């Protein structure tokens, strides 16, 4: 037969699906990056519920880089938000 189509997969009781997920330990840098990004989102939305935030965080020892796009009327001290998030993590 030819390539599988959506309709042929629905009819095929032997169709299989692959499920994958990622899990990292508590001290992994990805966890810290998530905490920092969440803190920035929370700070923006707390002061301006209409904020639009699309930010990513990358980090390594001694360095945090936040990139993306933030549209908000709030005045945010990003450095302080980041320092507080790292301290509390």
Protein backbone atom coordinates (compact mmCIF):
# COMPACT_ATOMS: atom_id res chain seq x y z
CA UNK A 1 0.00 0.00 0.00
CA UNK A 2 0.74 3.67 -0.23
CA UNK A 3 1.41 6.15 2.51
CA UNK A 4 -0.90 6.22 5.53
CA UNK A 5 -3.55 8.89 5.54
CA UNK A 6 -5.57 10.18 8.48
CA UNK A 7 -8.59 8.18 7.41
CA UNK A 8 -6.61 4.97 6.95
CA UNK A 9 -5.08 5.36 10.42
CA UNK A 10 -8.51 5.81 11.97
CA UNK A 11 -9.63 2.52 10.41
CA UNK A 12 -6.44 0.62 11.30
CA UNK A 13 -6.88 -1.00 14.71
CA UNK A 14 -3.17 -1.90 14.71
CA UNK A 15 -2.05 1.76 14.46
CA UNK A 16 0.52 2.64 17.08
CA UNK A 17 1.45 5.99 18.56
CA UNK A 18 4.68 7.11 20.14
CA UNK A 19 4.44 9.13 23.33
CA UNK A 20 7.52 10.99 24.51
CA UNK A 21 8.11 13.38 27.37
CA UNK A 22 11.04 15.18 28.92
CA UNK A 23 11.82 15.17 32.60
CA UNK A 24 14.70 16.90 34.34
CA UNK A 25 15.86 16.84 37.94
CA UNK A 26 15.04 19.62 40.39
CA UNK A 27 18.47 21.30 40.13
CA UNK A 28 18.59 21.21 36.31
CA UNK A 29 19.11 24.63 34.63
CA UNK A 30 15.87 24.15 32.64
CA UNK A 31 13.92 24.26 35.91
CA UNK A 32 15.60 27.52 36.93
CA UNK A 33 14.89 28.99 33.50
CA UNK A 34 11.21 28.08 33.85
CA UNK A 35 11.08 29.72 37.29
CA UNK A 36 12.63 32.93 35.92
CA UNK A 37 10.30 33.07 32.91
CA UNK A 38 7.28 32.45 35.15
CA UNK A 39 8.39 35.24 37.52
CA UNK A 40 8.62 37.69 34.61
CA UNK A 41 5.16 36.69 33.35
CA UNK A 42 3.72 37.03 36.87
CA UNK A 43 5.34 40.46 37.40
CA UNK A 44 3.96 41.79 34.12
CA UNK A 45 0.46 40.40 34.53
CA UNK A 46 0.21 41.54 38.16
CA UNK A 47 0.79 45.17 37.17
CA UNK A 48 -0.82 45.05 33.72
CA UNK A 49 -3.32 42.24 33.11
CA UNK A 50 -3.33 43.14 29.40
CA UNK A 51 0.39 42.38 29.07
CA UNK A 52 1.53 40.19 26.21
CA UNK A 53 4.60 38.14 27.06
CA UNK A 54 6.62 35.76 24.93
CA UNK A 55 9.90 35.30 26.76
CA UNK A 56 12.46 32.55 27.00
CA UNK A 57 15.26 32.25 29.50
CA UNK A 58 18.64 30.61 29.11
CA UNK A 59 21.20 30.33 31.87
CA UNK A 60 24.50 28.88 32.92
CA UNK A 61 26.66 29.47 35.95
CA UNK A 62 26.67 33.20 36.67
CA UNK A 63 24.73 34.20 33.54
CA UNK A 64 21.00 34.61 32.85
CA UNK A 65 19.75 35.73 29.44
CA UNK A 66 16.09 36.59 28.90
CA UNK A 67 14.96 37.02 25.33
CA UNK A 68 11.72 37.43 23.50
CA UNK A 69 9.02 40.04 23.26
CA UNK A 70 7.11 41.77 26.06
CA UNK A 71 4.39 44.33 25.52
CA UNK A 72 3.19 45.90 28.76
CA UNK A 73 2.37 49.27 30.27
CA UNK A 74 3.93 48.11 33.55
CA UNK A 75 7.31 49.38 34.68
CA UNK A 76 9.20 46.21 35.58
CA UNK A 77 12.64 46.01 37.18
CA UNK A 78 13.58 42.85 35.28
CA UNK A 79 16.96 42.51 36.95
CA UNK A 80 15.32 42.48 40.39
CA UNK A 81 12.63 40.03 39.29
CA UNK A 82 15.35 37.70 37.95
CA UNK A 83 17.53 38.02 41.07
CA UNK A 84 14.54 37.32 43.34
CA UNK A 85 13.53 34.29 41.28
CA UNK A 86 17.06 32.86 41.36
CA UNK A 87 17.36 33.48 45.09
CA UNK A 88 14.00 31.85 45.83
CA UNK A 89 14.50 28.87 43.49
